[in-house]
PDB file of N, CA and C in Angstrom:
ATOM      1  N   UNK A   1     -73.192 177.449  94.321  1.00  0.00           N
ATOM      2  CA  UNK A   1     -73.681 176.468  93.387  1.00  0.00           C
ATOM      3  C   UNK A   1     -72.860 175.190  93.523  1.00  0.00           C
ATOM      4  N   UNK A   2     -73.509 174.072  93.321  1.00  0.00           N
ATOM      5  CA  UNK A   2     -72.861 172.773  93.414  1.00  0.00           C
ATOM      6  C   UNK A   2     -72.070 172.518  92.132  1.00  0.00           C
ATOM      7  N   UNK A   3     -70.831 172.086  92.284  1.00  0.00           N
ATOM      8  CA  UNK A   3     -70.010 171.718  91.130  1.00  0.00           C
ATOM      9  C   UNK A   3     -70.103 170.210  90.970  1.00  0.00           C
ATOM     10  N   UNK A   4     -70.680 169.739  89.835  1.00  0.00           N
ATOM     11  CA  UNK A   4     -70.853 168.298  89.664  1.00  0.00           C
ATOM     12  C   UNK A   4     -69.527 167.571  89.503  1.00  0.00           C
ATOM     13  N   UNK A   5     -69.472 166.358  90.020  1.00  0.00           N
ATOM     14  CA  UNK A   5     -68.317 165.486  89.831  1.00  0.00           C
ATOM     15  C   UNK A   5     -68.716 164.425  88.820  1.00  0.00           C
ATOM     16  N   UNK A   6     -67.846 164.154  87.861  1.00  0.00           N
ATOM     17  CA  UNK A   6     -68.156 163.200  86.804  1.00  0.00           C
ATOM     18  C   UNK A   6     -67.208 162.016  86.871  1.00  0.00           C
ATOM     19  N   UNK A   7     -67.741 160.854  86.509  1.00  0.00           N
ATOM     20  CA  UNK A   7     -66.899 159.671  86.362  1.00  0.00           C
ATOM     21  C   UNK A   7     -65.923 159.939  85.227  1.00  0.00           C
ATOM     22  N   UNK A   8     -64.693 159.486  85.377  1.00  0.00           N
ATOM     23  CA  UNK A   8     -63.673 159.716  84.351  1.00  0.00           C
ATOM     24  C   UNK A   8     -63.873 158.826  83.126  1.00  0.00           C
ATOM     25  N   UNK A   9     -64.355 157.610  83.327  1.00  0.00           N
ATOM     26  CA  UNK A   9     -64.422 156.655  82.227  1.00  0.00           C
ATOM     27  C   UNK A   9     -65.756 156.699  81.508  1.00  0.00           C
ATOM     28  N   UNK A  10     -66.840 156.584  82.222  1.00  0.00           N
ATOM     29  CA  UNK A  10     -68.165 156.517  81.611  1.00  0.00           C
ATOM     30  C   UNK A  10     -69.069 157.553  82.256  1.00  0.00           C
ATOM     31  N   UNK A  11     -69.563 158.457  81.436  1.00  0.00           N
ATOM     32  CA  UNK A  11     -70.464 159.489  81.944  1.00  0.00           C
ATOM     33  C   UNK A  11     -71.390 159.945  80.827  1.00  0.00           C
ATOM     34  N   UNK A  12     -72.384 160.712  81.188  1.00  0.00           N
ATOM     35  CA  UNK A  12     -73.415 161.113  80.241  1.00  0.00           C
ATOM     36  C   UNK A  12     -72.866 161.923  79.075  1.00  0.00           C
ATOM     37  N   UNK A  13     -72.013 162.893  79.358  1.00  0.00           N
ATOM     38  CA  UNK A  13     -71.557 163.760  78.273  1.00  0.00           C
ATOM     39  C   UNK A  13     -70.689 163.014  77.268  1.00  0.00           C
ATOM     40  N   UNK A  14     -69.887 162.050  77.726  1.00  0.00           N
ATOM     41  CA  UNK A  14     -69.108 161.239  76.780  1.00  0.00           C
ATOM     42  C   UNK A  14     -70.017 160.388  75.910  1.00  0.00           C
ATOM     43  N   UNK A  15     -71.029 159.788  76.506  1.00  0.00           N
ATOM     44  CA  UNK A  15     -71.961 158.953  75.754  1.00  0.00           C
ATOM     45  C   UNK A  15     -72.645 159.770  74.660  1.00  0.00           C
ATOM     46  N   UNK A  16     -72.976 161.015  74.967  1.00  0.00           N
ATOM     47  CA  UNK A  16     -73.679 161.871  74.004  1.00  0.00           C
ATOM     48  C   UNK A  16     -72.732 162.666  73.104  1.00  0.00           C
ATOM     49  N   UNK A  17     -71.443 162.405  73.210  1.00  0.00           N
ATOM     50  CA  UNK A  17     -70.433 163.108  72.396  1.00  0.00           C
ATOM     51  C   UNK A  17     -70.469 164.617  72.612  1.00  0.00           C
ATOM     52  N   UNK A  18     -70.615 165.024  73.874  1.00  0.00           N
ATOM     53  CA  UNK A  18     -70.638 166.443  74.240  1.00  0.00           C
ATOM     54  C   UNK A  18     -69.427 166.764  75.113  1.00  0.00           C
ATOM     55  N   UNK A  19     -69.063 168.026  75.142  1.00  0.00           N
ATOM     56  CA  UNK A  19     -68.052 168.474  76.097  1.00  0.00           C
ATOM     57  C   UNK A  19     -68.737 168.642  77.460  1.00  0.00           C
ATOM     58  N   UNK A  20     -67.944 168.770  78.509  1.00  0.00           N
ATOM     59  CA  UNK A  20     -68.508 169.011  79.839  1.00  0.00           C
ATOM     60  C   UNK A  20     -69.350 170.284  79.813  1.00  0.00           C
ATOM     61  N   UNK A  21     -68.837 171.337  79.181  1.00  0.00           N
ATOM     62  CA  UNK A  21     -69.565 172.603  79.107  1.00  0.00           C
ATOM     63  C   UNK A  21     -70.891 172.481  78.387  1.00  0.00           C
ATOM     64  N   UNK A  22     -70.900 171.738  77.276  1.00  0.00           N
ATOM     65  CA  UNK A  22     -72.153 171.531  76.540  1.00  0.00           C
ATOM     66  C   UNK A  22     -73.149 170.755  77.388  1.00  0.00           C
ATOM     67  N   UNK A  23     -72.662 169.685  78.053  1.00  0.00           N
ATOM     68  CA  UNK A  23     -73.538 168.889  78.904  1.00  0.00           C
ATOM     69  C   UNK A  23     -74.146 169.754  80.005  1.00  0.00           C
ATOM     70  N   UNK A  24     -73.313 170.544  80.670  1.00  0.00           N
ATOM     71  CA  UNK A  24     -73.798 171.366  81.775  1.00  0.00           C
ATOM     72  C   UNK A  24     -74.779 172.439  81.312  1.00  0.00           C
ATOM     73  N   UNK A  25     -74.653 172.875  80.076  1.00  0.00           N
ATOM     74  CA  UNK A  25     -75.609 173.845  79.532  1.00  0.00           C
ATOM     75  C   UNK A  25     -77.035 173.289  79.613  1.00  0.00           C
ATOM     76  N   UNK A  26     -77.193 171.980  79.383  1.00  0.00           N
ATOM     77  CA  UNK A  26     -78.515 171.348  79.462  1.00  0.00           C
ATOM     78  C   UNK A  26     -78.811 170.849  80.875  1.00  0.00           C
ATOM     79  N   UNK A  27     -77.843 170.189  81.487  1.00  0.00           N
ATOM     80  CA  UNK A  27     -78.059 169.559  82.793  1.00  0.00           C
ATOM     81  C   UNK A  27     -78.272 170.578  83.906  1.00  0.00           C
ATOM     82  N   UNK A  28     -77.699 171.760  83.769  1.00  0.00           N
ATOM     83  CA  UNK A  28     -77.826 172.785  84.805  1.00  0.00           C
ATOM     84  C   UNK A  28     -78.831 173.863  84.424  1.00  0.00           C
ATOM     85  N   UNK A  29     -79.771 173.509  83.572  1.00  0.00           N
ATOM     86  CA  UNK A  29     -80.845 174.407  83.170  1.00  0.00           C
ATOM     87  C   UNK A  29     -81.582 174.911  84.413  1.00  0.00           C
ATOM     88  N   UNK A  30     -81.843 176.224  84.472  1.00  0.00           N
ATOM     89  CA  UNK A  30     -82.447 176.828  85.666  1.00  0.00           C
ATOM     90  C   UNK A  30     -83.788 176.212  86.042  1.00  0.00           C
ATOM     91  N   UNK A  31     -84.654 175.984  85.065  1.00  0.00           N
ATOM     92  CA  UNK A  31     -85.976 175.422  85.359  1.00  0.00           C
ATOM     93  C   UNK A  31     -85.836 173.990  85.855  1.00  0.00           C
ATOM     94  N   UNK A  32     -85.020 173.197  85.184  1.00  0.00           N
ATOM     95  CA  UNK A  32     -84.799 171.817  85.613  1.00  0.00           C
ATOM     96  C   UNK A  32     -84.132 171.773  86.985  1.00  0.00           C
ATOM     97  N   UNK A  33     -83.179 172.647  87.206  1.00  0.00           N
ATOM     98  CA  UNK A  33     -82.495 172.713  88.498  1.00  0.00           C
ATOM     99  C   UNK A  33     -83.497 173.009  89.622  1.00  0.00           C
ATOM    100  N   UNK A  34     -84.410 173.940  89.365  1.00  0.00           N
ATOM    101  CA  UNK A  34     -85.444 174.284  90.357  1.00  0.00           C
ATOM    102  C   UNK A  34     -86.367 173.086  90.596  1.00  0.00           C
ATOM    103  N   UNK A  35     -86.796 172.411  89.506  1.00  0.00           N
ATOM    104  CA  UNK A  35     -87.663 171.238  89.651  1.00  0.00           C
ATOM    105  C   UNK A  35     -86.974 170.153  90.487  1.00  0.00           C
ATOM    106  N   UNK A  36     -85.682 169.957  90.240  1.00  0.00           N
ATOM    107  CA  UNK A  36     -84.937 168.967  91.011  1.00  0.00           C
ATOM    108  C   UNK A  36     -84.849 169.381  92.472  1.00  0.00           C
ATOM    109  N   UNK A  37     -84.571 170.644  92.729  1.00  0.00           N
ATOM    110  CA  UNK A  37     -84.445 171.140  94.101  1.00  0.00           C
ATOM    111  C   UNK A  37     -85.763 171.021  94.867  1.00  0.00           C
ATOM    112  N   UNK A  38     -86.878 171.200  94.171  1.00  0.00           N
ATOM    113  CA  UNK A  38     -88.196 171.120  94.811  1.00  0.00           C
ATOM    114  C   UNK A  38     -88.714 169.689  94.909  1.00  0.00           C
ATOM    115  N   UNK A  39     -87.965 168.738  94.369  1.00  0.00           N
ATOM    116  CA  UNK A  39     -88.385 167.345  94.425  1.00  0.00           C
ATOM    117  C   UNK A  39     -89.421 166.972  93.387  1.00  0.00           C
ATOM    118  N   UNK A  40     -89.622 167.834  92.379  1.00  0.00           N
ATOM    119  CA  UNK A  40     -90.603 167.541  91.331  1.00  0.00           C
ATOM    120  C   UNK A  40     -90.075 166.509  90.341  1.00  0.00           C
ATOM    121  N   UNK A  41     -88.777 166.422  90.227  1.00  0.00           N
ATOM    122  CA  UNK A  41     -88.115 165.395  89.422  1.00  0.00           C
ATOM    123  C   UNK A  41     -87.483 164.457  90.435  1.00  0.00           C
ATOM    124  N   UNK A  42     -87.932 163.219  90.459  1.00  0.00           N
ATOM    125  CA  UNK A  42     -87.625 162.355  91.591  1.00  0.00           C
ATOM    126  C   UNK A  42     -86.497 161.348  91.396  1.00  0.00           C
ATOM    127  N   UNK A  43     -86.061 161.118  90.163  1.00  0.00           N
ATOM    128  CA  UNK A  43     -85.014 160.108  89.967  1.00  0.00           C
ATOM    129  C   UNK A  43     -84.165 160.446  88.749  1.00  0.00           C
ATOM    130  N   UNK A  44     -83.050 159.760  88.621  1.00  0.00           N
ATOM    131  CA  UNK A  44     -82.085 160.056  87.563  1.00  0.00           C
ATOM    132  C   UNK A  44     -82.625 159.788  86.172  1.00  0.00           C
ATOM    133  N   UNK A  45     -83.481 158.774  86.031  1.00  0.00           N
ATOM    134  CA  UNK A  45     -84.052 158.476  84.724  1.00  0.00           C
ATOM    135  C   UNK A  45     -84.921 159.629  84.254  1.00  0.00           C
ATOM    136  N   UNK A  46     -85.740 160.149  85.129  1.00  0.00           N
ATOM    137  CA  UNK A  46     -86.596 161.286  84.794  1.00  0.00           C
ATOM    138  C   UNK A  46     -85.751 162.529  84.505  1.00  0.00           C
ATOM    139  N   UNK A  47     -84.695 162.725  85.275  1.00  0.00           N
ATOM    140  CA  UNK A  47     -83.787 163.854  85.034  1.00  0.00           C
ATOM    141  C   UNK A  47     -83.177 163.735  83.639  1.00  0.00           C
ATOM    142  N   UNK A  48     -82.691 162.530  83.287  1.00  0.00           N
ATOM    143  CA  UNK A  48     -82.091 162.330  81.968  1.00  0.00           C
ATOM    144  C   UNK A  48     -83.094 162.617  80.860  1.00  0.00           C
ATOM    145  N   UNK A  49     -84.318 162.157  81.041  1.00  0.00           N
ATOM    146  CA  UNK A  49     -85.359 162.387  80.041  1.00  0.00           C
ATOM    147  C   UNK A  49     -85.589 163.887  79.851  1.00  0.00           C
ATOM    148  N   UNK A  50     -85.647 164.633  80.946  1.00  0.00           N
ATOM    149  CA  UNK A  50     -85.855 166.081  80.859  1.00  0.00           C
ATOM    150  C   UNK A  50     -84.647 166.784  80.237  1.00  0.00           C
ATOM    151  N   UNK A  51     -83.446 166.348  80.591  1.00  0.00           N
ATOM    152  CA  UNK A  51     -82.251 166.945  80.003  1.00  0.00           C
ATOM    153  C   UNK A  51     -82.259 166.732  78.491  1.00  0.00           C
ATOM    154  N   UNK A  52     -82.566 165.513  78.058  1.00  0.00           N
ATOM    155  CA  UNK A  52     -82.584 165.231  76.619  1.00  0.00           C
ATOM    156  C   UNK A  52     -83.651 166.037  75.894  1.00  0.00           C
ATOM    157  N   UNK A  53     -84.758 166.342  76.568  1.00  0.00           N
ATOM    158  CA  UNK A  53     -85.807 167.133  75.922  1.00  0.00           C
ATOM    159  C   UNK A  53     -85.365 168.584  75.702  1.00  0.00           C
ATOM    160  N   UNK A  54     -84.350 169.034  76.440  1.00  0.00           N
ATOM    161  CA  UNK A  54     -83.828 170.394  76.277  1.00  0.00           C
ATOM    162  C   UNK A  54     -82.836 170.513  75.120  1.00  0.00           C
ATOM    163  N   UNK A  55     -82.323 169.397  74.664  1.00  0.00           N
ATOM    164  CA  UNK A  55     -81.292 169.417  73.624  1.00  0.00           C
ATOM    165  C   UNK A  55     -81.911 169.744  72.265  1.00  0.00           C
ATOM    166  N   UNK A  56     -81.222 170.560  71.456  1.00  0.00           N
ATOM    167  CA  UNK A  56     -81.777 170.966  70.163  1.00  0.00           C
ATOM    168  C   UNK A  56     -81.602 169.898  69.080  1.00  0.00           C
ATOM    169  N   UNK A  57     -81.262 168.689  69.487  1.00  0.00           N
ATOM    170  CA  UNK A  57     -81.096 167.585  68.549  1.00  0.00           C
ATOM    171  C   UNK A  57     -81.712 166.344  69.168  1.00  0.00           C
ATOM    172  N   UNK A  58     -82.059 165.398  68.321  1.00  0.00           N
ATOM    173  CA  UNK A  58     -82.628 164.150  68.829  1.00  0.00           C
ATOM    174  C   UNK A  58     -81.503 163.225  69.249  1.00  0.00           C
ATOM    175  N   UNK A  59     -81.635 162.676  70.415  1.00  0.00           N
ATOM    176  CA  UNK A  59     -80.651 161.726  70.920  1.00  0.00           C
ATOM    177  C   UNK A  59     -80.947 160.374  70.266  1.00  0.00           C
ATOM    178  N   UNK A  60     -79.925 159.786  69.655  1.00  0.00           N
ATOM    179  CA  UNK A  60     -80.123 158.540  68.910  1.00  0.00           C
ATOM    180  C   UNK A  60     -80.450 157.377  69.842  1.00  0.00           C
ATOM    181  N   UNK A  61     -81.048 156.354  69.259  1.00  0.00           N
ATOM    182  CA  UNK A  61     -81.395 155.157  70.023  1.00  0.00           C
ATOM    183  C   UNK A  61     -80.164 154.503  70.647  1.00  0.00           C
ATOM    184  N   UNK A  62     -79.060 154.495  69.924  1.00  0.00           N
ATOM    185  CA  UNK A  62     -77.846 153.874  70.461  1.00  0.00           C
ATOM    186  C   UNK A  62     -77.309 154.664  71.657  1.00  0.00           C
ATOM    187  N   UNK A  63     -77.406 155.992  71.598  1.00  0.00           N
ATOM    188  CA  UNK A  63     -76.985 156.806  72.734  1.00  0.00           C
ATOM    189  C   UNK A  63     -77.900 156.559  73.937  1.00  0.00           C
ATOM    190  N   UNK A  64     -79.190 156.446  73.697  1.00  0.00           N
ATOM    191  CA  UNK A  64     -80.133 156.169  74.784  1.00  0.00           C
ATOM    192  C   UNK A  64     -79.852 154.798  75.386  1.00  0.00           C
ATOM    193  N   UNK A  65     -79.525 153.830  74.540  1.00  0.00           N
ATOM    194  CA  UNK A  65     -79.172 152.499  75.041  1.00  0.00           C
ATOM    195  C   UNK A  65     -77.972 152.581  75.981  1.00  0.00           C
ATOM    196  N   UNK A  66     -76.959 153.335  75.580  1.00  0.00           N
ATOM    197  CA  UNK A  66     -75.768 153.473  76.422  1.00  0.00           C
ATOM    198  C   UNK A  66     -76.068 154.255  77.708  1.00  0.00           C
ATOM    199  N   UNK A  67     -76.945 155.239  77.635  1.00  0.00           N
ATOM    200  CA  UNK A  67     -77.353 155.967  78.852  1.00  0.00           C
ATOM    201  C   UNK A  67     -78.087 155.026  79.806  1.00  0.00           C
ATOM    202  N   UNK A  68     -78.976 154.182  79.260  1.00  0.00           N
ATOM    203  CA  UNK A  68     -79.674 153.188  80.081  1.00  0.00           C
ATOM    204  C   UNK A  68     -78.681 152.261  80.762  1.00  0.00           C
ATOM    205  N   UNK A  69     -77.680 151.816  80.006  1.00  0.00           N
ATOM    206  CA  UNK A  69     -76.666 150.933  80.577  1.00  0.00           C
ATOM    207  C   UNK A  69     -75.917 151.625  81.715  1.00  0.00           C
ATOM    208  N   UNK A  70     -75.603 152.906  81.519  1.00  0.00           N
ATOM    209  CA  UNK A  70     -74.911 153.660  82.564  1.00  0.00           C
ATOM    210  C   UNK A  70     -75.780 153.778  83.810  1.00  0.00           C
ATOM    211  N   UNK A  71     -77.045 154.122  83.634  1.00  0.00           N
ATOM    212  CA  UNK A  71     -77.940 154.238  84.786  1.00  0.00           C
ATOM    213  C   UNK A  71     -78.129 152.879  85.463  1.00  0.00           C
ATOM    214  N   UNK A  72     -78.217 151.803  84.667  1.00  0.00           N
ATOM    215  CA  UNK A  72     -78.311 150.454  85.255  1.00  0.00           C
ATOM    216  C   UNK A  72     -77.067 150.137  86.056  1.00  0.00           C
ATOM    217  N   UNK A  73     -75.920 150.463  85.499  1.00  0.00           N
ATOM    218  CA  UNK A  73     -74.650 150.218  86.175  1.00  0.00           C
ATOM    219  C   UNK A  73     -74.600 150.952  87.514  1.00  0.00           C
ATOM    220  N   UNK A  74     -75.113 152.173  87.514  1.00  0.00           N
ATOM    221  CA  UNK A  74     -75.126 152.981  88.730  1.00  0.00           C
ATOM    222  C   UNK A  74     -76.306 152.636  89.643  1.00  0.00           C
ATOM    223  N   UNK A  75     -77.183 151.745  89.160  1.00  0.00           N
ATOM    224  CA  UNK A  75     -78.354 151.352  89.945  1.00  0.00           C
ATOM    225  C   UNK A  75     -79.394 152.437  90.045  1.00  0.00           C
ATOM    226  N   UNK A  76     -79.481 153.291  89.013  1.00  0.00           N
ATOM    227  CA  UNK A  76     -80.366 154.451  89.095  1.00  0.00           C
ATOM    228  C   UNK A  76     -81.434 154.462  88.012  1.00  0.00           C
ATOM    229  N   UNK A  77     -81.622 153.349  87.300  1.00  0.00           N
ATOM    230  CA  UNK A  77     -82.654 153.328  86.268  1.00  0.00           C
ATOM    231  C   UNK A  77     -84.002 153.072  86.907  1.00  0.00           C
ATOM    232  N   UNK A  78     -84.997 153.836  86.510  1.00  0.00           N
ATOM    233  CA  UNK A  78     -86.349 153.685  87.048  1.00  0.00           C
ATOM    234  C   UNK A  78     -87.288 153.414  85.875  1.00  0.00           C
ATOM    235  N   UNK A  79     -87.880 152.231  85.840  1.00  0.00           N
ATOM    236  CA  UNK A  79     -88.748 151.839  84.735  1.00  0.00           C
ATOM    237  C   UNK A  79     -90.020 152.662  84.617  1.00  0.00           C
ATOM    238  N   UNK A  80     -90.366 153.437  85.621  1.00  0.00           N
ATOM    239  CA  UNK A  80     -91.621 154.176  85.591  1.00  0.00           C
ATOM    240  C   UNK A  80     -91.541 155.446  84.742  1.00  0.00           C
ATOM    241  N   UNK A  81     -90.355 155.814  84.271  1.00  0.00           N
ATOM    242  CA  UNK A  81     -90.189 157.054  83.518  1.00  0.00           C
ATOM    243  C   UNK A  81     -90.280 156.809  82.019  1.00  0.00           C
ATOM    244  N   UNK A  82     -90.279 157.894  81.267  1.00  0.00           N
ATOM    245  CA  UNK A  82     -90.510 157.838  79.839  1.00  0.00           C
ATOM    246  C   UNK A  82     -89.276 157.568  78.991  1.00  0.00           C
ATOM    247  N   UNK A  83     -88.080 157.608  79.565  1.00  0.00           N
ATOM    248  CA  UNK A  83     -86.890 157.426  78.748  1.00  0.00           C
ATOM    249  C   UNK A  83     -86.949 156.058  78.094  1.00  0.00           C
ATOM    250  N   UNK A  84     -86.716 156.012  76.795  1.00  0.00           N
ATOM    251  CA  UNK A  84     -86.781 154.754  76.067  1.00  0.00           C
ATOM    252  C   UNK A  84     -85.774 153.777  76.659  1.00  0.00           C
ATOM    253  N   UNK A  85     -86.230 152.562  76.895  1.00  0.00           N
ATOM    254  CA  UNK A  85     -85.361 151.531  77.475  1.00  0.00           C
ATOM    255  C   UNK A  85     -85.210 150.395  76.489  1.00  0.00           C
ATOM    256  N   UNK A  86     -84.031 149.864  76.405  1.00  0.00           N
ATOM    257  CA  UNK A  86     -83.719 148.776  75.511  1.00  0.00           C
ATOM    258  C   UNK A  86     -83.190 147.619  76.329  1.00  0.00           C
ATOM    259  N   UNK A  87     -83.428 146.414  75.835  1.00  0.00           N
ATOM    260  CA  UNK A  87     -82.880 145.243  76.496  1.00  0.00           C
ATOM    261  C   UNK A  87     -81.373 145.256  76.353  1.00  0.00           C
ATOM    262  N   UNK A  88     -80.686 144.948  77.411  1.00  0.00           N
ATOM    263  CA  UNK A  88     -79.224 144.972  77.416  1.00  0.00           C
ATOM    264  C   UNK A  88     -78.699 143.556  77.367  1.00  0.00           C
TER     265      UNK A  88
END
């Protein structure tokens, strides 16, 4: 299995106030992992949207704004997906 590497300063689990273990519980979901491996999920924005849909809580607008900023910073935001986008 692939062990993910995370940025030390800004990363998804910090933005969502989760531990690494909590984040991986959603991000490494077997069904999502299979969809990613088969190419059914094509970009990071879509992956983030699917990960958030697995969480048993609603991700706040401010957290989504910060996730968008992170994906923009990494050059991985795709406007064609459903993740709510805010002007930065």
